[in-house]
């Protein structure tokens, strides 16, 4: 038997952690941005700006995964 843990290779475990671990972290960061907007009483436009600016990097990560999925990479 090769280098496996519970039947999964190291690469498969790393991919799972990257996909779901970072996905969970992104959801948590969105919750933090929402909480920040609510506590600062930013209003609708202020909340939109907070989400746009503070979530821009997360959109890049999600776009990368979407492009990889579409191209089958």
C-alpha atoms as a PDB file:
ATOM      1  CA  UNK A   1       0.000   0.000   0.000  1.00  0.00           C
ATOM      2  CA  UNK A   2       1.350   3.448  -0.892  1.00  0.00           C
ATOM      3  CA  UNK A   3       1.328   6.634   1.110  1.00  0.00           C
ATOM      4  CA  UNK A   4      -2.372   6.897   1.828  1.00  0.00           C
ATOM      5  CA  UNK A   5      -4.466   7.989   4.761  1.00  0.00           C
ATOM      6  CA  UNK A   6      -7.904   6.345   4.945  1.00  0.00           C
ATOM      7  CA  UNK A   7      -7.499   5.436   1.275  1.00  0.00           C
ATOM      8  CA  UNK A   8      -6.768   8.972   0.081  1.00  0.00           C
ATOM      9  CA  UNK A   9      -3.480  10.240  -1.272  1.00  0.00           C
ATOM     10  CA  UNK A  10      -1.742  13.316   0.086  1.00  0.00           C
ATOM     11  CA  UNK A  11      -2.721  15.280  -3.021  1.00  0.00           C
ATOM     12  CA  UNK A  12      -6.396  14.387  -2.621  1.00  0.00           C
ATOM     13  CA  UNK A  13      -6.369  15.419   1.047  1.00  0.00           C
ATOM     14  CA  UNK A  14      -4.643  18.706   0.186  1.00  0.00           C
ATOM     15  CA  UNK A  15      -7.173  19.450  -2.568  1.00  0.00           C
ATOM     16  CA  UNK A  16     -10.066  18.690  -0.212  1.00  0.00           C
ATOM     17  CA  UNK A  17      -8.586  20.960   2.468  1.00  0.00           C
ATOM     18  CA  UNK A  18      -7.978  23.749  -0.007  1.00  0.00           C
ATOM     19  CA  UNK A  19     -11.459  23.571  -1.474  1.00  0.00           C
ATOM     20  CA  UNK A  20     -13.535  23.166   1.674  1.00  0.00           C
ATOM     21  CA  UNK A  21     -11.182  24.720   4.226  1.00  0.00           C
ATOM     22  CA  UNK A  22     -10.717  27.930   2.283  1.00  0.00           C
ATOM     23  CA  UNK A  23     -14.412  27.900   1.350  1.00  0.00           C
ATOM     24  CA  UNK A  24     -15.349  27.778   5.032  1.00  0.00           C
ATOM     25  CA  UNK A  25     -12.832  30.532   5.769  1.00  0.00           C
ATOM     26  CA  UNK A  26     -14.388  32.699   3.031  1.00  0.00           C
ATOM     27  CA  UNK A  27     -17.861  32.222   4.526  1.00  0.00           C
ATOM     28  CA  UNK A  28     -16.502  33.193   7.938  1.00  0.00           C
ATOM     29  CA  UNK A  29     -14.880  36.321   6.472  1.00  0.00           C
ATOM     30  CA  UNK A  30     -18.185  37.271   4.810  1.00  0.00           C
ATOM     31  CA  UNK A  31     -19.861  36.943   8.205  1.00  0.00           C
ATOM     32  CA  UNK A  32     -17.203  39.255   9.692  1.00  0.00           C
ATOM     33  CA  UNK A  33     -17.793  41.857   6.941  1.00  0.00           C
ATOM     34  CA  UNK A  34     -21.562  41.647   7.502  1.00  0.00           C
ATOM     35  CA  UNK A  35     -21.091  42.031  11.251  1.00  0.00           C
ATOM     36  CA  UNK A  36     -18.784  45.013  10.696  1.00  0.00           C
ATOM     37  CA  UNK A  37     -21.353  46.691   8.446  1.00  0.00           C
ATOM     38  CA  UNK A  38     -24.140  46.057  10.942  1.00  0.00           C
ATOM     39  CA  UNK A  39     -22.234  47.316  13.996  1.00  0.00           C
ATOM     40  CA  UNK A  40     -21.012  50.439  12.215  1.00  0.00           C
ATOM     41  CA  UNK A  41     -24.542  51.205  10.948  1.00  0.00           C
ATOM     42  CA  UNK A  42     -23.135  51.594   7.432  1.00  0.00           C
ATOM     43  CA  UNK A  43     -26.491  51.636   5.647  1.00  0.00           C
ATOM     44  CA  UNK A  44     -27.253  49.930   2.359  1.00  0.00           C
ATOM     45  CA  UNK A  45     -24.659  51.724   0.249  1.00  0.00           C
ATOM     46  CA  UNK A  46     -21.966  51.470   2.922  1.00  0.00           C
ATOM     47  CA  UNK A  47     -22.642  47.761   3.323  1.00  0.00           C
ATOM     48  CA  UNK A  48     -22.371  47.325  -0.438  1.00  0.00           C
ATOM     49  CA  UNK A  49     -19.032  49.153  -0.508  1.00  0.00           C
ATOM     50  CA  UNK A  50     -17.703  47.104   2.419  1.00  0.00           C
ATOM     51  CA  UNK A  51     -18.638  43.845   0.742  1.00  0.00           C
ATOM     52  CA  UNK A  52     -17.253  44.985  -2.614  1.00  0.00           C
ATOM     53  CA  UNK A  53     -13.899  46.170  -1.305  1.00  0.00           C
ATOM     54  CA  UNK A  54     -13.282  43.629   1.448  1.00  0.00           C
ATOM     55  CA  UNK A  55     -14.504  40.662  -0.601  1.00  0.00           C
ATOM     56  CA  UNK A  56     -12.629  41.450  -3.828  1.00  0.00           C
ATOM     57  CA  UNK A  57      -9.811  38.969  -3.110  1.00  0.00           C
ATOM     58  CA  UNK A  58     -12.292  36.224  -2.323  1.00  0.00           C
ATOM     59  CA  UNK A  59     -13.926  36.744  -5.702  1.00  0.00           C
ATOM     60  CA  UNK A  60     -10.574  36.098  -7.364  1.00  0.00           C
ATOM     61  CA  UNK A  61     -10.191  32.779  -5.539  1.00  0.00           C
ATOM     62  CA  UNK A  62     -13.722  31.719  -6.460  1.00  0.00           C
ATOM     63  CA  UNK A  63     -13.218  32.806 -10.081  1.00  0.00           C
ATOM     64  CA  UNK A  64     -10.024  30.726 -10.276  1.00  0.00           C
ATOM     65  CA  UNK A  65     -11.895  27.622  -9.099  1.00  0.00           C
ATOM     66  CA  UNK A  66     -14.766  28.286 -11.502  1.00  0.00           C
ATOM     67  CA  UNK A  67     -12.399  28.706 -14.460  1.00  0.00           C
ATOM     68  CA  UNK A  68     -10.549  25.496 -13.526  1.00  0.00           C
ATOM     69  CA  UNK A  69     -13.855  23.642 -13.299  1.00  0.00           C
ATOM     70  CA  UNK A  70     -15.102  24.973 -16.667  1.00  0.00           C
ATOM     71  CA  UNK A  71     -11.823  24.162 -18.449  1.00  0.00           C
ATOM     72  CA  UNK A  72     -11.494  20.797 -16.703  1.00  0.00           C
ATOM     73  CA  UNK A  73      -8.031  21.546 -15.338  1.00  0.00           C
END
